[in-house]
Amino acid sequence: MIRILILFALFTLSPVLSANVHPTNNGVDRGQLTAKISPKELLSKKILGKIKQYANHPDPKIVRLAVSGYAKLLKNGKIEAGSPLSIIDFSLPSSAERLWIIDTNNGDLLHQSLVSHGRNSGNLLAREFSNTNSSFMSSIGFYLTGETYQGKHGYSLRLDGLEKGFNDNARERAIVIHGAEYANRDFVANTGRLGRSLGCPALPMDSYKEIIDTIKEGSCLFIYGQDDSYLKQSRLI
């Protein structure tokens, strides 16, 4: 009788013991054990996994900062899912391609380009930044691209700075994306650097229209610069 009771107990408890030893066999347990990956982490991995194939690609550290802001803007309804992500790295010299346009759907690079900085931000390197009118300096941080228009530089793209104290005067300062004759390889060959703007991110004449059309009307632009105060105070990174 005792033997029968022992066998009955073992038979009854075996499924419970099995479930505890192998929790992944149970749908609920598997869901509890599976690590949740945030949209920000998924996008970072997608982009970083793809850009390695390109000889010239943005610094992974800066990509992560850009994706952090992109994810917050997406969550707040400032941008639409799938809109491109643009990154400018002003820690690089102006002789290098330091603008990248990224397809957030698949992580591919849509464009990479030279881009000028403001004349009072520095010569070869942009070392100082400002949000002040007539400073003729570049402003760093996150922007929302606006509408296009025809101005003194031809076809141009307005920018709205999203970070108070760092770039929120961009529209008032007429900080826009436009083409410039001084933003090309020939200028670099002659002077060792690009020509400089009055604060606008100016692009080569042979590609600026295509780039503007790719990012216009509500996409995210992140301009990075080596500025400790920005890195400590920004609410988007």
C-alpha atoms as a PDB file:
ATOM      1  CA  MET A   1       0.000   0.000   0.000  1.00  0.00           C
ATOM      2  CA  ILE A   2       2.838   2.401   0.883  1.00  0.00           C
ATOM      3  CA  ARG A   3       4.566   1.577  -2.418  1.00  0.00           C
ATOM      4  CA  ILE A   4       1.368   2.400  -4.311  1.00  0.00           C
ATOM      5  CA  LEU A   5       1.028   5.755  -2.523  1.00  0.00           C
ATOM      6  CA  ILE A   6       4.643   6.652  -3.305  1.00  0.00           C
ATOM      7  CA  LEU A   7       4.196   5.826  -6.995  1.00  0.00           C
ATOM      8  CA  PHE A   8       0.953   7.834  -7.101  1.00  0.00           C
ATOM      9  CA  ALA A   9       2.667  10.883  -5.533  1.00  0.00           C
ATOM     10  CA  LEU A  10       5.582  10.736  -7.969  1.00  0.00           C
ATOM     11  CA  PHE A  11       3.226  10.434 -10.935  1.00  0.00           C
ATOM     12  CA  THR A  12       1.150  13.383  -9.738  1.00  0.00           C
ATOM     13  CA  LEU A  13       4.067  15.717  -8.976  1.00  0.00           C
ATOM     14  CA  SER A  14       6.220  14.942 -12.043  1.00  0.00           C
ATOM     15  CA  PRO A  15       4.581  17.560 -14.352  1.00  0.00           C
ATOM     16  CA  VAL A  16       5.068  20.248 -11.689  1.00  0.00           C
ATOM     17  CA  LEU A  17       8.700  19.316 -11.171  1.00  0.00           C
ATOM     18  CA  SER A  18       9.276  19.224 -14.909  1.00  0.00           C
ATOM     19  CA  ALA A  19       7.757  22.686 -15.344  1.00  0.00           C
ATOM     20  CA  ASN A  20      10.041  24.076 -12.632  1.00  0.00           C
ATOM     21  CA  VAL A  21      13.142  22.521 -14.112  1.00  0.00           C
ATOM     22  CA  HIS A  22      12.256  23.495 -17.689  1.00  0.00           C
ATOM     23  CA  PRO A  23      10.359  26.802 -17.439  1.00  0.00           C
ATOM     24  CA  THR A  24      10.812  27.551 -21.131  1.00  0.00           C
ATOM     25  CA  ASN A  25       8.383  24.749 -21.933  1.00  0.00           C
ATOM     26  CA  ASN A  26       5.620  26.890 -20.494  1.00  0.00           C
ATOM     27  CA  GLY A  27       4.430  29.851 -22.584  1.00  0.00           C
ATOM     28  CA  VAL A  28       3.865  32.135 -19.614  1.00  0.00           C
ATOM     29  CA  ASP A  29       7.230  31.381 -18.030  1.00  0.00           C
ATOM     30  CA  ARG A  30       9.007  31.861 -21.332  1.00  0.00           C
ATOM     31  CA  GLY A  31       7.420  35.279 -21.698  1.00  0.00           C
ATOM     32  CA  GLN A  32       8.513  36.221 -18.208  1.00  0.00           C
ATOM     33  CA  LEU A  33      12.075  35.090 -18.805  1.00  0.00           C
ATOM     34  CA  THR A  34      12.517  36.682 -22.225  1.00  0.00           C
ATOM     35  CA  ALA A  35      14.334  40.002 -21.879  1.00  0.00           C
ATOM     36  CA  LYS A  36      12.383  42.960 -23.170  1.00  0.00           C
ATOM     37  CA  ILE A  37      14.324  45.048 -25.673  1.00  0.00           C
ATOM     38  CA  SER A  38      13.286  48.686 -25.988  1.00  0.00           C
ATOM     39  CA  PRO A  39      12.601  50.292 -29.396  1.00  0.00           C
ATOM     40  CA  LYS A  40      15.671  52.479 -28.807  1.00  0.00           C
ATOM     41  CA  GLU A  41      17.916  49.440 -28.322  1.00  0.00           C
ATOM     42  CA  LEU A  42      16.430  47.689 -31.347  1.00  0.00           C
ATOM     43  CA  LEU A  43      17.034  50.711 -33.575  1.00  0.00           C
ATOM     44  CA  SER A  44      20.585  51.172 -32.274  1.00  0.00           C
ATOM     45  CA  LYS A  45      21.413  47.540 -32.990  1.00  0.00           C
ATOM     46  CA  LYS A  46      19.870  47.731 -36.454  1.00  0.00           C
ATOM     47  CA  ILE A  47      21.850  50.821 -37.419  1.00  0.00           C
ATOM     48  CA  LEU A  48      25.139  49.792 -35.792  1.00  0.00           C
ATOM     49  CA  GLY A  49      24.919  46.365 -37.396  1.00  0.00           C
ATOM     50  CA  LYS A  50      24.545  47.894 -40.853  1.00  0.00           C
ATOM     51  CA  ILE A  51      26.913  50.861 -40.825  1.00  0.00           C
ATOM     52  CA  LYS A  52      29.954  48.682 -40.169  1.00  0.00           C
ATOM     53  CA  GLN A  53      29.935  47.782 -43.859  1.00  0.00           C
ATOM     54  CA  TYR A  54      30.650  51.403 -44.814  1.00  0.00           C
ATOM     55  CA  ALA A  55      34.235  52.636 -44.799  1.00  0.00           C
ATOM     56  CA  ASN A  56      33.140  56.016 -43.467  1.00  0.00           C
ATOM     57  CA  HIS A  57      30.500  55.725 -40.807  1.00  0.00           C
ATOM     58  CA  PRO A  58      29.467  57.706 -37.715  1.00  0.00           C
ATOM     59  CA  ASP A  59      30.961  56.938 -34.328  1.00  0.00           C
ATOM     60  CA  PRO A  60      28.804  54.291 -32.599  1.00  0.00           C
ATOM     61  CA  LYS A  61      28.773  56.417 -29.431  1.00  0.00           C
ATOM     62  CA  ILE A  62      27.243  59.305 -31.353  1.00  0.00           C
ATOM     63  CA  VAL A  63      24.777  57.008 -33.095  1.00  0.00           C
ATOM     64  CA  ARG A  64      23.498  55.884 -29.696  1.00  0.00           C
ATOM     65  CA  LEU A  65      23.049  59.496 -28.575  1.00  0.00           C
ATOM     66  CA  ALA A  66      21.189  60.301 -31.792  1.00  0.00           C
ATOM     67  CA  VAL A  67      18.939  57.251 -31.477  1.00  0.00           C
ATOM     68  CA  SER A  68      18.130  58.155 -27.889  1.00  0.00           C
ATOM     69  CA  GLY A  69      16.770  61.531 -28.966  1.00  0.00           C
ATOM     70  CA  TYR A  70      15.067  60.066 -32.018  1.00  0.00           C
ATOM     71  CA  ALA A  71      13.219  57.549 -29.832  1.00  0.00           C
ATOM     72  CA  LYS A  72      12.038  60.270 -27.445  1.00  0.00           C
ATOM     73  CA  LEU A  73      10.836  62.475 -30.291  1.00  0.00           C
ATOM     74  CA  LEU A  74       9.020  59.508 -31.779  1.00  0.00           C
ATOM     75  CA  LYS A  75       7.359  58.721 -28.454  1.00  0.00           C
ATOM     76  CA  ASN A  76       6.270  62.353 -28.079  1.00  0.00           C
ATOM     77  CA  GLY A  77       4.792  62.439 -31.579  1.00  0.00           C
ATOM     78  CA  LYS A  78       7.306  64.970 -32.924  1.00  0.00           C
ATOM     79  CA  ILE A  79       8.410  62.690 -35.756  1.00  0.00           C
ATOM     80  CA  GLU A  80       6.874  59.753 -37.607  1.00  0.00           C
ATOM     81  CA  ALA A  81       8.121  56.165 -37.420  1.00  0.00           C
ATOM     82  CA  GLY A  82      10.396  55.377 -40.345  1.00  0.00           C
ATOM     83  CA  SER A  83      11.460  58.981 -40.920  1.00  0.00           C
ATOM     84  CA  PRO A  84      15.196  59.368 -41.607  1.00  0.00           C
ATOM     85  CA  LEU A  85      17.735  60.174 -38.919  1.00  0.00           C
ATOM     86  CA  SER A  86      20.433  62.722 -39.800  1.00  0.00           C
ATOM     87  CA  ILE A  87      23.677  63.018 -37.840  1.00  0.00           C
ATOM     88  CA  ILE A  88      26.362  65.708 -38.083  1.00  0.00           C
ATOM     89  CA  ASP A  89      29.540  65.131 -36.088  1.00  0.00           C
ATOM     90  CA  PHE A  90      31.293  68.450 -35.523  1.00  0.00           C
ATOM     91  CA  SER A  91      34.013  66.740 -33.514  1.00  0.00           C
ATOM     92  CA  LEU A  92      35.475  65.753 -36.900  1.00  0.00           C
ATOM     93  CA  PRO A  93      37.427  68.162 -39.137  1.00  0.00           C
ATOM     94  CA  SER A  94      35.545  69.868 -41.952  1.00  0.00           C
ATOM     95  CA  SER A  95      37.788  68.108 -44.462  1.00  0.00           C
ATOM     96  CA  ALA A  96      36.025  64.827 -43.569  1.00  0.00           C
ATOM     97  CA  GLU A  97      32.562  63.669 -44.520  1.00  0.00           C
ATOM     98  CA  ARG A  98      30.733  64.206 -41.254  1.00  0.00           C
ATOM     99  CA  LEU A  99      27.055  64.242 -42.241  1.00  0.00           C
ATOM    100  CA  TRP A 100      25.125  60.972 -42.497  1.00  0.00           C
ATOM    101  CA  ILE A 101      21.487  60.361 -43.404  1.00  0.00           C
ATOM    102  CA  ILE A 102      20.267  57.014 -42.064  1.00  0.00           C
ATOM    103  CA  ASP A 103      17.251  54.993 -43.193  1.00  0.00           C
ATOM    104  CA  THR A 104      15.722  53.942 -39.871  1.00  0.00           C
ATOM    105  CA  ASN A 105      13.685  51.190 -41.547  1.00  0.00           C
ATOM    106  CA  ASN A 106      16.737  49.100 -42.394  1.00  0.00           C
ATOM    107  CA  GLY A 107      19.790  50.918 -40.994  1.00  0.00           C
ATOM    108  CA  ASP A 108      21.280  51.780 -44.392  1.00  0.00           C
ATOM    109  CA  LEU A 109      23.150  55.010 -45.099  1.00  0.00           C
ATOM    110  CA  LEU A 110      21.200  57.074 -47.622  1.00  0.00           C
ATOM    111  CA  HIS A 111      23.771  59.880 -47.875  1.00  0.00           C
ATOM    112  CA  GLN A 112      27.115  60.892 -46.431  1.00  0.00           C
ATOM    113  CA  SER A 113      28.547  64.294 -47.109  1.00  0.00           C
ATOM    114  CA  LEU A 114      30.874  67.141 -46.308  1.00  0.00           C
ATOM    115  CA  VAL A 115      29.219  69.884 -44.257  1.00  0.00           C
ATOM    116  CA  SER A 116      30.446  73.317 -43.202  1.00  0.00           C
ATOM    117  CA  HIS A 117      30.273  74.875 -39.739  1.00  0.00           C
ATOM    118  CA  GLY A 118      29.997  78.503 -38.630  1.00  0.00           C
ATOM    119  CA  ARG A 119      32.984  80.781 -39.159  1.00  0.00           C
ATOM    120  CA  ASN A 120      33.302  81.699 -35.477  1.00  0.00           C
ATOM    121  CA  SER A 121      33.059  78.096 -34.324  1.00  0.00           C
ATOM    122  CA  GLY A 122      36.579  77.357 -35.519  1.00  0.00           C
ATOM    123  CA  ASN A 123      38.769  76.808 -38.555  1.00  0.00           C
ATOM    124  CA  LEU A 124      39.319  73.149 -39.412  1.00  0.00           C
ATOM    125  CA  LEU A 125      37.459  72.007 -36.297  1.00  0.00           C
ATOM    126  CA  ALA A 126      34.309  73.419 -34.728  1.00  0.00           C
ATOM    127  CA  ARG A 127      35.324  74.112 -31.142  1.00  0.00           C
ATOM    128  CA  GLU A 128      32.759  76.668 -29.946  1.00  0.00           C
ATOM    129  CA  PHE A 129      28.980  76.768 -30.302  1.00  0.00           C
ATOM    130  CA  SER A 130      26.309  79.372 -29.725  1.00  0.00           C
ATOM    131  CA  ASN A 131      22.557  79.916 -29.778  1.00  0.00           C
ATOM    132  CA  THR A 132      22.926  83.707 -30.032  1.00  0.00           C
ATOM    133  CA  ASN A 133      21.969  85.925 -32.956  1.00  0.00           C
ATOM    134  CA  SER A 134      24.873  87.208 -35.056  1.00  0.00           C
ATOM    135  CA  SER A 135      27.345  84.915 -33.285  1.00  0.00           C
ATOM    136  CA  PHE A 136      28.142  83.268 -36.634  1.00  0.00           C
ATOM    137  CA  MET A 137      28.615  80.011 -34.747  1.00  0.00           C
ATOM    138  CA  SER A 138      27.036  76.613 -35.200  1.00  0.00           C
ATOM    139  CA  SER A 139      24.486  75.313 -32.701  1.00  0.00           C
ATOM    140  CA  ILE A 140      24.453  71.719 -31.495  1.00  0.00           C
ATOM    141  CA  GLY A 141      21.632  69.434 -30.384  1.00  0.00           C
ATOM    142  CA  PHE A 142      18.444  68.011 -31.852  1.00  0.00           C
ATOM    143  CA  TYR A 143      16.467  69.716 -34.600  1.00  0.00           C
ATOM    144  CA  LEU A 144      13.256  69.090 -36.469  1.00  0.00           C
ATOM    145  CA  THR A 145      13.516  69.763 -40.194  1.00  0.00           C
ATOM    146  CA  GLY A 146      10.964  72.208 -41.508  1.00  0.00           C
ATOM    147  CA  GLU A 147       9.790  73.511 -44.846  1.00  0.00           C
ATOM    148  CA  THR A 148      11.825  74.306 -47.943  1.00  0.00           C
ATOM    149  CA  TYR A 149      12.000  77.721 -49.587  1.00  0.00           C
ATOM    150  CA  GLN A 150      13.913  79.736 -52.172  1.00  0.00           C
ATOM    151  CA  GLY A 151      16.238  82.245 -50.514  1.00  0.00           C
ATOM    152  CA  LYS A 152      19.537  84.020 -51.060  1.00  0.00           C
ATOM    153  CA  HIS A 153      21.273  80.632 -51.118  1.00  0.00           C
ATOM    154  CA  GLY A 154      18.701  79.120 -53.467  1.00  0.00           C
ATOM    155  CA  TYR A 155      16.827  76.006 -52.431  1.00  0.00           C
ATOM    156  CA  SER A 156      17.059  75.812 -48.627  1.00  0.00           C
ATOM    157  CA  LEU A 157      15.597  73.920 -45.659  1.00  0.00           C
ATOM    158  CA  ARG A 158      14.490  75.610 -42.448  1.00  0.00           C
ATOM    159  CA  LEU A 159      15.397  74.048 -39.096  1.00  0.00           C
ATOM    160  CA  ASP A 160      13.655  74.239 -35.732  1.00  0.00           C
ATOM    161  CA  GLY A 161      15.919  73.741 -32.730  1.00  0.00           C
ATOM    162  CA  LEU A 162      14.331  71.580 -30.042  1.00  0.00           C
ATOM    163  CA  GLU A 163      16.704  72.251 -27.153  1.00  0.00           C
ATOM    164  CA  LYS A 164      16.237  75.406 -25.109  1.00  0.00           C
ATOM    165  CA  GLY A 165      19.410  77.363 -24.603  1.00  0.00           C
ATOM    166  CA  PHE A 166      21.349  75.360 -27.186  1.00  0.00           C
ATOM    167  CA  ASN A 167      19.562  75.711 -30.531  1.00  0.00           C
ATOM    168  CA  ASP A 168      16.004  76.969 -29.994  1.00  0.00           C
ATOM    169  CA  ASN A 169      16.865  80.288 -31.699  1.00  0.00           C
ATOM    170  CA  ALA A 170      17.693  78.498 -34.958  1.00  0.00           C
ATOM    171  CA  ARG A 171      14.677  79.765 -36.904  1.00  0.00           C
ATOM    172  CA  GLU A 172      15.113  83.319 -35.623  1.00  0.00           C
ATOM    173  CA  ARG A 173      18.809  83.154 -36.555  1.00  0.00           C
ATOM    174  CA  ALA A 174      17.919  81.806 -40.029  1.00  0.00           C
ATOM    175  CA  ILE A 175      19.996  78.681 -39.433  1.00  0.00           C
ATOM    176  CA  VAL A 176      19.090  76.572 -42.464  1.00  0.00           C
ATOM    177  CA  ILE A 177      20.528  73.836 -44.655  1.00  0.00           C
ATOM    178  CA  HIS A 178      21.642  75.144 -48.041  1.00  0.00           C
ATOM    179  CA  GLY A 179      24.208  74.591 -50.751  1.00  0.00           C
ATOM    180  CA  ALA A 180      27.494  76.529 -50.869  1.00  0.00           C
ATOM    181  CA  GLU A 181      30.342  76.820 -53.367  1.00  0.00           C
ATOM    182  CA  TYR A 182      32.848  76.650 -50.509  1.00  0.00           C
ATOM    183  CA  ALA A 183      31.633  73.227 -49.329  1.00  0.00           C
ATOM    184  CA  ASN A 184      33.503  70.934 -51.715  1.00  0.00           C
ATOM    185  CA  ARG A 185      36.648  68.869 -52.161  1.00  0.00           C
ATOM    186  CA  ASP A 186      38.391  71.506 -54.305  1.00  0.00           C
ATOM    187  CA  PHE A 187      38.142  74.020 -51.484  1.00  0.00           C
ATOM    188  CA  VAL A 188      39.629  71.449 -49.078  1.00  0.00           C
ATOM    189  CA  ALA A 189      42.474  70.735 -51.516  1.00  0.00           C
ATOM    190  CA  ASN A 190      43.320  74.440 -51.716  1.00  0.00           C
ATOM    191  CA  THR A 191      42.935  75.442 -48.073  1.00  0.00           C
ATOM    192  CA  GLY A 192      43.004  72.241 -46.017  1.00  0.00           C
ATOM    193  CA  ARG A 193      39.443  72.809 -44.803  1.00  0.00           C
ATOM    194  CA  LEU A 194      35.982  73.725 -46.015  1.00  0.00           C
ATOM    195  CA  GLY A 195      34.809  77.287 -46.221  1.00  0.00           C
ATOM    196  CA  ARG A 196      32.659  78.394 -43.302  1.00  0.00           C
ATOM    197  CA  SER A 197      29.110  79.677 -43.058  1.00  0.00           C
ATOM    198  CA  LEU A 198      27.382  82.190 -40.786  1.00  0.00           C
ATOM    199  CA  GLY A 199      26.236  79.255 -38.657  1.00  0.00           C
ATOM    200  CA  CYS A 200      24.342  77.132 -41.174  1.00  0.00           C
ATOM    201  CA  PRO A 201      25.226  73.525 -42.019  1.00  0.00           C
ATOM    202  CA  ALA A 202      26.145  74.193 -45.657  1.00  0.00           C
ATOM    203  CA  LEU A 203      26.430  71.334 -48.164  1.00  0.00           C
ATOM    204  CA  PRO A 204      28.133  70.689 -51.531  1.00  0.00           C
ATOM    205  CA  MET A 205      26.296  72.131 -54.525  1.00  0.00           C
ATOM    206  CA  ASP A 206      26.178  68.793 -56.340  1.00  0.00           C
ATOM    207  CA  SER A 207      24.199  67.004 -53.612  1.00  0.00           C
ATOM    208  CA  TYR A 208      22.406  69.511 -51.363  1.00  0.00           C
ATOM    209  CA  LYS A 209      19.063  69.418 -53.190  1.00  0.00           C
ATOM    210  CA  GLU A 210      18.818  65.633 -52.997  1.00  0.00           C
ATOM    211  CA  ILE A 211      19.764  65.644 -49.312  1.00  0.00           C
ATOM    212  CA  ILE A 212      17.230  68.361 -48.506  1.00  0.00           C
ATOM    213  CA  ASP A 213      14.470  66.451 -50.290  1.00  0.00           C
ATOM    214  CA  THR A 214      15.352  63.313 -48.316  1.00  0.00           C
ATOM    215  CA  ILE A 215      15.067  64.921 -44.874  1.00  0.00           C
ATOM    216  CA  LYS A 216      12.615  67.827 -45.266  1.00  0.00           C
ATOM    217  CA  GLU A 217       9.350  68.330 -43.391  1.00  0.00           C
ATOM    218  CA  GLY A 218       9.547  66.669 -40.028  1.00  0.00           C
ATOM    219  CA  SER A 219      12.628  64.471 -39.674  1.00  0.00           C
ATOM    220  CA  CYS A 220      15.219  64.408 -36.895  1.00  0.00           C
ATOM    221  CA  LEU A 221      18.645  66.041 -37.212  1.00  0.00           C
ATOM    222  CA  PHE A 222      21.238  65.625 -34.461  1.00  0.00           C
ATOM    223  CA  ILE A 223      24.292  67.883 -34.502  1.00  0.00           C
ATOM    224  CA  TYR A 224      26.995  66.632 -32.153  1.00  0.00           C
ATOM    225  CA  GLY A 225      29.825  68.733 -30.814  1.00  0.00           C
ATOM    226  CA  GLN A 226      32.341  68.282 -28.025  1.00  0.00           C
ATOM    227  CA  ASP A 227      30.543  70.328 -25.396  1.00  0.00           C
ATOM    228  CA  ASP A 228      30.350  68.989 -21.845  1.00  0.00           C
ATOM    229  CA  SER A 229      27.602  71.379 -20.770  1.00  0.00           C
ATOM    230  CA  TYR A 230      25.337  70.135 -23.548  1.00  0.00           C
ATOM    231  CA  LEU A 231      26.005  66.473 -22.782  1.00  0.00           C
ATOM    232  CA  LYS A 232      25.155  67.055 -19.122  1.00  0.00           C
ATOM    233  CA  GLN A 233      22.041  69.193 -19.663  1.00  0.00           C
ATOM    234  CA  SER A 234      20.321  67.789 -22.740  1.00  0.00           C
ATOM    235  CA  ARG A 235      16.999  66.091 -21.988  1.00  0.00           C
ATOM    236  CA  LEU A 236      17.019  64.182 -25.252  1.00  0.00           C
ATOM    237  CA  ILE A 237      20.179  62.122 -24.909  1.00  0.00           C
END
